[in-house]
Amino acid sequence: LCRDPARPPGGLGRKIAVKNGYVIVEDGQPAGIMRYNMFWDVIPFVTLIHLREQYRGRGLGRKAMAQWEN
């Protein structure tokens, strides 16, 4: 996510590093991404969920949401 190891990751890379962003994987391949923020530092809410077109319609978004909610 960050090509220069001396530089900290930015954007989604930073979210993933602090566990506020996830890569959705199907059969070992990155199928999409999901990220969330905290409202008032208390209430988590999803700000982005995106699946590559070829992975849509398979229930991956539903599975990702269910896992995140648990």
N, C-alpha and C. Protein backbone atom coordinates (compact mmCIF):
# COMPACT_ATOMS: atom_id res chain seq x y z
N LEU A 1 0.81 -1.21 0.00
CA LEU A 1 0.00 0.00 0.00
C LEU A 1 0.85 1.25 0.00
N CYS A 2 2.00 1.16 0.55
CA CYS A 2 2.91 2.30 0.59
C CYS A 2 4.22 1.85 -0.03
N ARG A 3 4.60 2.41 -1.17
CA ARG A 3 5.79 1.95 -1.87
C ARG A 3 7.08 2.33 -1.14
N ASP A 4 7.11 3.47 -0.47
CA ASP A 4 8.30 3.93 0.24
C ASP A 4 8.18 3.57 1.72
N PRO A 5 8.96 2.60 2.21
CA PRO A 5 8.82 2.17 3.60
C PRO A 5 9.13 3.27 4.61
N ALA A 6 9.82 4.32 4.19
CA ALA A 6 10.13 5.43 5.10
C ALA A 6 8.93 6.35 5.29
N ARG A 7 7.96 6.26 4.39
CA ARG A 7 6.76 7.10 4.46
C ARG A 7 5.60 6.29 5.01
N PRO A 8 4.86 6.84 5.94
CA PRO A 8 3.67 6.12 6.42
C PRO A 8 2.60 6.09 5.33
N PRO A 9 1.77 5.04 5.33
CA PRO A 9 0.72 4.96 4.31
C PRO A 9 -0.31 6.07 4.49
N GLY A 10 -0.90 6.48 3.40
CA GLY A 10 -1.95 7.51 3.44
C GLY A 10 -3.26 6.93 2.93
N GLY A 11 -4.33 7.66 3.07
CA GLY A 11 -5.62 7.25 2.53
C GLY A 11 -6.07 5.89 3.01
N LEU A 12 -6.44 5.04 2.06
CA LEU A 12 -6.94 3.71 2.41
C LEU A 12 -5.87 2.87 3.11
N GLY A 13 -4.61 3.04 2.72
CA GLY A 13 -3.53 2.31 3.37
C GLY A 13 -3.47 2.59 4.87
N ARG A 14 -3.67 3.83 5.23
CA ARG A 14 -3.69 4.20 6.65
C ARG A 14 -4.90 3.58 7.34
N LYS A 15 -6.06 3.61 6.67
CA LYS A 15 -7.27 3.02 7.25
C LYS A 15 -7.08 1.52 7.50
N ILE A 16 -6.45 0.83 6.56
CA ILE A 16 -6.20 -0.60 6.72
C ILE A 16 -5.22 -0.84 7.86
N ALA A 17 -4.19 -0.01 7.95
CA ALA A 17 -3.18 -0.18 9.00
C ALA A 17 -3.78 -0.06 10.40
N VAL A 18 -4.78 0.81 10.56
CA VAL A 18 -5.40 0.99 11.89
C VAL A 18 -6.72 0.23 12.01
N LYS A 19 -6.96 -0.69 11.08
CA LYS A 19 -8.15 -1.56 11.08
C LYS A 19 -9.47 -0.81 10.91
N ASN A 20 -9.43 0.32 10.19
CA ASN A 20 -10.65 1.03 9.81
C ASN A 20 -10.95 0.84 8.33
N GLY A 21 -10.20 -0.01 7.68
CA GLY A 21 -10.41 -0.32 6.28
C GLY A 21 -10.00 -1.75 6.02
N TYR A 22 -10.66 -2.38 5.09
CA TYR A 22 -10.42 -3.80 4.81
C TYR A 22 -10.41 -4.06 3.31
N VAL A 23 -9.63 -5.04 2.91
CA VAL A 23 -9.67 -5.54 1.55
C VAL A 23 -10.56 -6.78 1.59
N ILE A 24 -11.55 -6.82 0.73
CA ILE A 24 -12.45 -7.97 0.63
C ILE A 24 -11.81 -8.95 -0.34
N VAL A 25 -11.61 -10.18 0.11
CA VAL A 25 -10.88 -11.17 -0.69
C VAL A 25 -11.80 -12.34 -1.03
N GLU A 26 -11.71 -12.80 -2.27
CA GLU A 26 -12.45 -13.97 -2.74
C GLU A 26 -11.46 -14.89 -3.44
N ASP A 27 -11.34 -16.11 -2.97
CA ASP A 27 -10.41 -17.09 -3.55
C ASP A 27 -8.99 -16.54 -3.65
N GLY A 28 -8.56 -15.82 -2.61
CA GLY A 28 -7.20 -15.30 -2.58
C GLY A 28 -6.96 -14.05 -3.42
N GLN A 29 -7.99 -13.54 -4.07
CA GLN A 29 -7.86 -12.37 -4.93
C GLN A 29 -8.59 -11.18 -4.31
N PRO A 30 -8.02 -9.96 -4.40
CA PRO A 30 -8.73 -8.79 -3.90
C PRO A 30 -9.98 -8.51 -4.74
N ALA A 31 -11.14 -8.57 -4.08
CA ALA A 31 -12.41 -8.39 -4.79
C ALA A 31 -12.99 -7.00 -4.57
N GLY A 32 -12.59 -6.34 -3.49
CA GLY A 32 -13.13 -5.03 -3.20
C GLY A 32 -12.53 -4.46 -1.93
N ILE A 33 -13.10 -3.33 -1.52
CA ILE A 33 -12.65 -2.66 -0.31
C ILE A 33 -13.84 -2.20 0.51
N MET A 34 -13.58 -2.03 1.79
CA MET A 34 -14.59 -1.54 2.72
C MET A 34 -13.88 -0.67 3.74
N ARG A 35 -14.46 0.47 4.07
CA ARG A 35 -13.87 1.31 5.12
C ARG A 35 -14.97 1.91 5.97
N TYR A 36 -14.60 2.31 7.17
CA TYR A 36 -15.56 2.91 8.07
C TYR A 36 -14.91 4.01 8.91
N ASN A 37 -15.74 4.84 9.48
CA ASN A 37 -15.32 5.89 10.41
C ASN A 37 -16.10 5.75 11.69
N MET A 38 -15.72 6.55 12.67
CA MET A 38 -16.42 6.56 13.95
C MET A 38 -17.13 7.91 14.09
N PHE A 39 -18.42 7.87 14.36
CA PHE A 39 -19.22 9.06 14.61
C PHE A 39 -19.14 9.36 16.09
N TRP A 40 -18.68 10.54 16.45
CA TRP A 40 -18.49 10.94 17.85
C TRP A 40 -17.55 10.00 18.59
N ASP A 41 -16.65 9.37 17.86
CA ASP A 41 -15.70 8.42 18.43
C ASP A 41 -16.37 7.25 19.15
N VAL A 42 -17.65 7.01 18.86
CA VAL A 42 -18.40 5.97 19.55
C VAL A 42 -19.14 5.05 18.58
N ILE A 43 -19.76 5.63 17.56
CA ILE A 43 -20.65 4.88 16.67
C ILE A 43 -19.95 4.61 15.34
N PRO A 44 -19.64 3.34 15.04
CA PRO A 44 -19.01 3.04 13.75
C PRO A 44 -20.05 3.06 12.62
N PHE A 45 -19.62 3.59 11.46
CA PHE A 45 -20.49 3.57 10.29
C PHE A 45 -19.65 3.38 9.03
N VAL A 46 -20.17 2.58 8.12
CA VAL A 46 -19.48 2.30 6.86
C VAL A 46 -19.56 3.52 5.97
N THR A 47 -18.41 3.95 5.47
CA THR A 47 -18.36 5.10 4.56
C THR A 47 -18.14 4.67 3.11
N LEU A 48 -17.66 3.44 2.92
CA LEU A 48 -17.40 2.98 1.56
C LEU A 48 -17.38 1.46 1.53
N ILE A 49 -18.08 0.91 0.58
CA ILE A 49 -17.94 -0.50 0.25
C ILE A 49 -18.00 -0.57 -1.27
N HIS A 50 -16.96 -1.14 -1.86
CA HIS A 50 -16.89 -1.21 -3.32
C HIS A 50 -16.35 -2.57 -3.71
N LEU A 51 -17.04 -3.21 -4.64
CA LEU A 51 -16.59 -4.50 -5.17
C LEU A 51 -16.28 -4.34 -6.65
N ARG A 52 -15.23 -5.00 -7.09
CA ARG A 52 -14.93 -5.01 -8.53
C ARG A 52 -16.13 -5.62 -9.24
N GLU A 53 -16.37 -5.15 -10.44
CA GLU A 53 -17.58 -5.56 -11.18
C GLU A 53 -17.72 -7.07 -11.30
N GLN A 54 -16.64 -7.77 -11.55
CA GLN A 54 -16.73 -9.22 -11.74
C GLN A 54 -17.06 -9.97 -10.45
N TYR A 55 -17.00 -9.31 -9.30
CA TYR A 55 -17.30 -9.94 -8.02
C TYR A 55 -18.67 -9.55 -7.47
N ARG A 56 -19.37 -8.70 -8.17
CA ARG A 56 -20.69 -8.26 -7.70
C ARG A 56 -21.75 -9.33 -7.92
N GLY A 57 -22.79 -9.30 -7.09
CA GLY A 57 -23.89 -10.24 -7.23
C GLY A 57 -23.63 -11.61 -6.62
N ARG A 58 -22.55 -11.74 -5.88
CA ARG A 58 -22.20 -13.03 -5.26
C ARG A 58 -22.44 -13.04 -3.75
N GLY A 59 -22.94 -11.94 -3.21
CA GLY A 59 -23.18 -11.87 -1.78
C GLY A 59 -21.96 -11.47 -0.97
N LEU A 60 -20.87 -11.06 -1.63
CA LEU A 60 -19.66 -10.69 -0.90
C LEU A 60 -19.86 -9.44 -0.05
N GLY A 61 -20.60 -8.48 -0.55
CA GLY A 61 -20.88 -7.27 0.22
C GLY A 61 -21.68 -7.59 1.47
N ARG A 62 -22.66 -8.45 1.31
CA ARG A 62 -23.49 -8.89 2.45
C ARG A 62 -22.63 -9.62 3.49
N LYS A 63 -21.74 -10.50 3.01
CA LYS A 63 -20.86 -11.23 3.92
C LYS A 63 -19.89 -10.29 4.64
N ALA A 64 -19.35 -9.33 3.89
CA ALA A 64 -18.42 -8.37 4.49
C ALA A 64 -19.12 -7.54 5.57
N MET A 65 -20.34 -7.09 5.29
CA MET A 65 -21.10 -6.31 6.27
C MET A 65 -21.41 -7.15 7.51
N ALA A 66 -21.81 -8.40 7.31
CA ALA A 66 -22.14 -9.27 8.44
C ALA A 66 -20.92 -9.51 9.32
N GLN A 67 -19.77 -9.75 8.68
CA GLN A 67 -18.54 -9.98 9.44
C GLN A 67 -18.15 -8.72 10.20
N TRP A 68 -18.24 -7.57 9.55
CA TRP A 68 -17.89 -6.30 10.19
C TRP A 68 -18.83 -6.01 11.37
N GLU A 69 -20.11 -6.27 11.19
CA GLU A 69 -21.07 -6.00 12.27
C GLU A 69 -20.82 -6.91 13.48
N ASN A 70 -20.34 -8.11 13.25
CA ASN A 70 -20.04 -9.01 14.37
C ASN A 70 -18.80 -8.56 15.09
